[in-house]
Amino acid sequence: MIGDQQTGAIDGVHIHAVVFEGLTVTVNGVPAQLAIVAADGTIVAAGKDVAREVEAVAVNCHRNFLKGEGHLRVLSNPIPTKVRAAA
C-alpha cells in the first residue's frame, strides 16, 4: 500500500482530489457527484456531503497511519439524510 495507488479503473470517470478543494468527479468531462447507494438501489446520500465525508475518512485514516497509532480503520458518523416523499 505504500507508494502510488493505481487509478483510472473506471472508463470515463475521473475523481480529482485537491487539498484546498476536496474531491470532485467528472464523467467524460461532465461534472458528476458521488453517491451512497444501498443494496436495493436506493440513493441514500449524494453530492458534496458525500464527497466531504469520503475525504475526511480517507484523510483521518492516512493521518492515523502516519502517527503510527495502529488505527487503520476509520469510521464516520452517519450522514444526515433528507427523507423525500415519493412523487
N, C-alpha and C. Protein backbone atom coordinates (compact mmCIF):
# COMPACT_ATOMS: atom_id res chain seq x y z
N MET A 1 0.82 -1.19 0.00
CA MET A 1 0.00 0.00 0.00
C MET A 1 0.86 1.26 0.00
N ILE A 2 2.11 1.14 0.35
CA ILE A 2 2.99 2.30 0.30
C ILE A 2 3.30 2.58 -1.16
N GLY A 3 3.34 3.85 -1.51
CA GLY A 3 3.61 4.23 -2.89
C GLY A 3 2.33 4.67 -3.58
N ASP A 4 2.46 4.95 -4.86
CA ASP A 4 1.30 5.40 -5.63
C ASP A 4 0.32 4.26 -5.83
N GLN A 5 -0.95 4.56 -5.68
CA GLN A 5 -2.01 3.59 -5.90
C GLN A 5 -2.52 3.74 -7.33
N GLN A 6 -2.82 2.62 -7.97
CA GLN A 6 -3.31 2.66 -9.35
C GLN A 6 -4.69 3.29 -9.39
N THR A 7 -4.90 4.18 -10.34
CA THR A 7 -6.20 4.82 -10.54
C THR A 7 -6.60 4.66 -12.00
N GLY A 8 -7.78 5.12 -12.34
CA GLY A 8 -8.22 5.08 -13.73
C GLY A 8 -8.89 3.79 -14.13
N ALA A 9 -9.43 3.04 -13.16
CA ALA A 9 -10.03 1.74 -13.44
C ALA A 9 -11.45 1.83 -13.99
N ILE A 10 -12.09 3.00 -13.91
CA ILE A 10 -13.47 3.14 -14.37
C ILE A 10 -13.46 4.03 -15.61
N ASP A 11 -13.81 3.46 -16.75
CA ASP A 11 -13.78 4.21 -18.01
C ASP A 11 -14.61 5.49 -17.94
N GLY A 12 -14.00 6.60 -18.32
CA GLY A 12 -14.69 7.88 -18.39
C GLY A 12 -14.85 8.61 -17.08
N VAL A 13 -14.59 7.93 -15.96
CA VAL A 13 -14.76 8.55 -14.64
C VAL A 13 -13.42 9.06 -14.14
N HIS A 14 -13.39 10.32 -13.75
CA HIS A 14 -12.19 10.91 -13.17
C HIS A 14 -12.56 11.48 -11.81
N ILE A 15 -11.87 11.01 -10.77
CA ILE A 15 -12.06 11.54 -9.43
C ILE A 15 -10.82 12.37 -9.12
N HIS A 16 -11.03 13.63 -8.81
CA HIS A 16 -9.94 14.56 -8.57
C HIS A 16 -9.90 14.92 -7.09
N ALA A 17 -8.70 15.01 -6.54
CA ALA A 17 -8.53 15.45 -5.16
C ALA A 17 -7.54 16.61 -5.15
N VAL A 18 -7.98 17.74 -4.63
CA VAL A 18 -7.13 18.91 -4.46
C VAL A 18 -7.23 19.32 -3.00
N VAL A 19 -6.08 19.50 -2.36
CA VAL A 19 -6.05 19.76 -0.92
C VAL A 19 -7.02 20.85 -0.50
N PHE A 20 -7.07 21.95 -1.23
CA PHE A 20 -7.90 23.08 -0.81
C PHE A 20 -9.28 23.08 -1.47
N GLU A 21 -9.59 22.07 -2.29
CA GLU A 21 -10.90 21.99 -2.95
C GLU A 21 -11.69 20.75 -2.56
N GLY A 22 -11.03 19.72 -2.08
CA GLY A 22 -11.72 18.47 -1.78
C GLY A 22 -11.82 17.58 -3.01
N LEU A 23 -12.79 16.68 -2.99
CA LEU A 23 -12.97 15.73 -4.09
C LEU A 23 -13.99 16.25 -5.09
N THR A 24 -13.69 16.07 -6.36
CA THR A 24 -14.66 16.35 -7.42
C THR A 24 -14.65 15.17 -8.38
N VAL A 25 -15.74 15.01 -9.09
CA VAL A 25 -15.89 13.88 -10.01
C VAL A 25 -16.38 14.40 -11.35
N THR A 26 -15.84 13.83 -12.43
CA THR A 26 -16.37 14.08 -13.76
C THR A 26 -16.57 12.74 -14.47
N VAL A 27 -17.56 12.71 -15.35
CA VAL A 27 -17.79 11.54 -16.20
C VAL A 27 -17.73 12.03 -17.64
N ASN A 28 -16.74 11.55 -18.35
CA ASN A 28 -16.49 12.00 -19.73
C ASN A 28 -16.42 13.52 -19.81
N GLY A 29 -15.79 14.14 -18.81
CA GLY A 29 -15.58 15.58 -18.79
C GLY A 29 -16.73 16.40 -18.25
N VAL A 30 -17.84 15.76 -17.92
CA VAL A 30 -19.02 16.46 -17.40
C VAL A 30 -19.06 16.31 -15.88
N PRO A 31 -19.28 17.41 -15.13
CA PRO A 31 -19.34 17.29 -13.67
C PRO A 31 -20.36 16.25 -13.22
N ALA A 32 -19.99 15.49 -12.20
CA ALA A 32 -20.86 14.45 -11.63
C ALA A 32 -20.77 14.55 -10.11
N GLN A 33 -21.40 13.63 -9.41
CA GLN A 33 -21.35 13.65 -7.95
C GLN A 33 -21.20 12.23 -7.41
N LEU A 34 -20.62 12.13 -6.24
CA LEU A 34 -20.51 10.85 -5.56
C LEU A 34 -21.83 10.55 -4.86
N ALA A 35 -22.14 9.27 -4.71
CA ALA A 35 -23.39 8.89 -4.04
C ALA A 35 -23.17 7.62 -3.22
N ILE A 36 -23.99 7.47 -2.19
CA ILE A 36 -24.06 6.24 -1.41
C ILE A 36 -25.32 5.53 -1.87
N VAL A 37 -25.15 4.32 -2.41
CA VAL A 37 -26.29 3.57 -2.94
C VAL A 37 -26.46 2.30 -2.11
N ALA A 38 -27.65 2.11 -1.54
CA ALA A 38 -27.95 0.92 -0.74
C ALA A 38 -28.03 -0.30 -1.65
N ALA A 39 -28.00 -1.47 -1.04
CA ALA A 39 -28.04 -2.72 -1.80
C ALA A 39 -29.28 -2.83 -2.68
N ASP A 40 -30.39 -2.20 -2.28
CA ASP A 40 -31.61 -2.27 -3.08
C ASP A 40 -31.68 -1.20 -4.16
N GLY A 41 -30.61 -0.41 -4.31
CA GLY A 41 -30.55 0.62 -5.34
C GLY A 41 -31.00 2.00 -4.89
N THR A 42 -31.47 2.12 -3.66
CA THR A 42 -31.89 3.41 -3.13
C THR A 42 -30.69 4.33 -2.95
N ILE A 43 -30.78 5.56 -3.45
CA ILE A 43 -29.72 6.54 -3.23
C ILE A 43 -29.93 7.14 -1.85
N VAL A 44 -29.02 6.84 -0.93
CA VAL A 44 -29.13 7.27 0.45
C VAL A 44 -28.65 8.70 0.62
N ALA A 45 -27.56 9.03 -0.03
CA ALA A 45 -27.00 10.38 0.05
C ALA A 45 -26.18 10.60 -1.21
N ALA A 46 -26.07 11.88 -1.61
CA ALA A 46 -25.30 12.19 -2.82
C ALA A 46 -24.82 13.62 -2.74
N GLY A 47 -23.77 13.91 -3.51
CA GLY A 47 -23.31 15.28 -3.64
C GLY A 47 -22.14 15.64 -2.75
N LYS A 48 -22.06 16.92 -2.43
CA LYS A 48 -20.91 17.46 -1.70
C LYS A 48 -20.77 16.88 -0.30
N ASP A 49 -21.90 16.55 0.36
CA ASP A 49 -21.82 15.95 1.70
C ASP A 49 -21.09 14.62 1.64
N VAL A 50 -21.39 13.82 0.64
CA VAL A 50 -20.73 12.52 0.48
C VAL A 50 -19.25 12.72 0.18
N ALA A 51 -18.93 13.64 -0.72
CA ALA A 51 -17.54 13.90 -1.07
C ALA A 51 -16.74 14.36 0.15
N ARG A 52 -17.32 15.25 0.96
CA ARG A 52 -16.63 15.72 2.17
C ARG A 52 -16.42 14.58 3.16
N GLU A 53 -17.42 13.73 3.32
CA GLU A 53 -17.31 12.61 4.26
C GLU A 53 -16.25 11.62 3.81
N VAL A 54 -16.23 11.29 2.52
CA VAL A 54 -15.23 10.36 1.98
C VAL A 54 -13.83 10.94 2.16
N GLU A 55 -13.68 12.21 1.86
CA GLU A 55 -12.38 12.85 2.02
C GLU A 55 -11.94 12.84 3.48
N ALA A 56 -12.84 13.16 4.40
CA ALA A 56 -12.49 13.20 5.82
C ALA A 56 -12.06 11.83 6.33
N VAL A 57 -12.78 10.78 5.93
CA VAL A 57 -12.42 9.43 6.37
C VAL A 57 -11.06 9.04 5.80
N ALA A 58 -10.81 9.32 4.53
CA ALA A 58 -9.52 8.97 3.91
C ALA A 58 -8.37 9.73 4.58
N VAL A 59 -8.56 11.02 4.82
CA VAL A 59 -7.51 11.83 5.45
C VAL A 59 -7.25 11.34 6.87
N ASN A 60 -8.30 11.08 7.64
CA ASN A 60 -8.12 10.61 9.02
C ASN A 60 -7.43 9.25 9.06
N CYS A 61 -7.77 8.37 8.14
CA CYS A 61 -7.11 7.06 8.08
C CYS A 61 -5.62 7.23 7.77
N HIS A 62 -5.30 8.08 6.81
CA HIS A 62 -3.91 8.33 6.46
C HIS A 62 -3.14 8.95 7.63
N ARG A 63 -3.75 9.91 8.30
CA ARG A 63 -3.09 10.55 9.45
C ARG A 63 -2.83 9.54 10.56
N ASN A 64 -3.79 8.66 10.83
CA ASN A 64 -3.58 7.64 11.86
C ASN A 64 -2.42 6.73 11.48
N PHE A 65 -2.32 6.39 10.21
CA PHE A 65 -1.22 5.56 9.73
C PHE A 65 0.11 6.27 9.95
N LEU A 66 0.17 7.56 9.60
CA LEU A 66 1.41 8.32 9.76
C LEU A 66 1.81 8.47 11.22
N LYS A 67 0.82 8.59 12.10
CA LYS A 67 1.10 8.73 13.53
C LYS A 67 1.48 7.40 14.16
N GLY A 68 1.29 6.32 13.44
CA GLY A 68 1.63 5.00 13.98
C GLY A 68 0.72 4.58 15.11
N GLU A 69 -0.52 5.02 15.08
CA GLU A 69 -1.45 4.71 16.16
C GLU A 69 -2.04 3.31 16.05
N GLY A 70 -1.85 2.67 14.93
CA GLY A 70 -2.42 1.34 14.77
C GLY A 70 -3.89 1.34 14.41
N HIS A 71 -4.49 2.52 14.27
CA HIS A 71 -5.90 2.60 13.90
C HIS A 71 -5.98 2.72 12.38
N LEU A 72 -5.98 1.61 11.70
CA LEU A 72 -6.00 1.65 10.25
C LEU A 72 -7.42 1.67 9.69
N ARG A 73 -8.40 1.54 10.58
CA ARG A 73 -9.79 1.62 10.16
C ARG A 73 -10.39 2.88 10.76
N VAL A 74 -11.02 3.69 9.92
CA VAL A 74 -11.67 4.92 10.37
C VAL A 74 -13.14 4.85 9.98
N LEU A 75 -14.00 5.06 10.96
CA LEU A 75 -15.44 5.03 10.71
C LEU A 75 -15.99 6.44 10.81
N SER A 76 -16.96 6.75 9.96
CA SER A 76 -17.59 8.06 10.03
C SER A 76 -18.93 7.93 10.72
N ASN A 77 -19.44 9.05 11.20
CA ASN A 77 -20.79 9.09 11.73
C ASN A 77 -21.76 9.10 10.56
N PRO A 78 -23.00 8.70 10.79
CA PRO A 78 -23.97 8.72 9.69
C PRO A 78 -24.15 10.11 9.11
N ILE A 79 -24.29 10.18 7.78
CA ILE A 79 -24.58 11.44 7.10
C ILE A 79 -26.08 11.69 7.25
N PRO A 80 -26.48 12.85 7.75
CA PRO A 80 -27.93 13.12 7.85
C PRO A 80 -28.57 13.05 6.46
N THR A 81 -29.66 12.32 6.38
CA THR A 81 -30.35 12.20 5.10
C THR A 81 -31.68 12.93 5.15
N LYS A 82 -32.07 13.42 4.01
CA LYS A 82 -33.35 14.10 3.88
C LYS A 82 -34.34 13.11 3.28
N VAL A 83 -35.38 12.80 4.02
CA VAL A 83 -36.39 11.88 3.53
C VAL A 83 -37.34 12.64 2.62
N ARG A 84 -37.44 12.18 1.40
CA ARG A 84 -38.32 12.84 0.43
C ARG A 84 -39.52 11.96 0.15
N ALA A 85 -40.68 12.58 0.08
CA ALA A 85 -41.89 11.84 -0.25
C ALA A 85 -41.85 11.45 -1.72
N ALA A 86 -42.35 10.28 -2.02
CA ALA A 86 -42.40 9.83 -3.41
C ALA A 86 -43.37 10.70 -4.20
N ALA A 87 -42.99 11.00 -5.42
CA ALA A 87 -43.84 11.86 -6.26
C ALA A 87 -44.95 11.07 -6.90
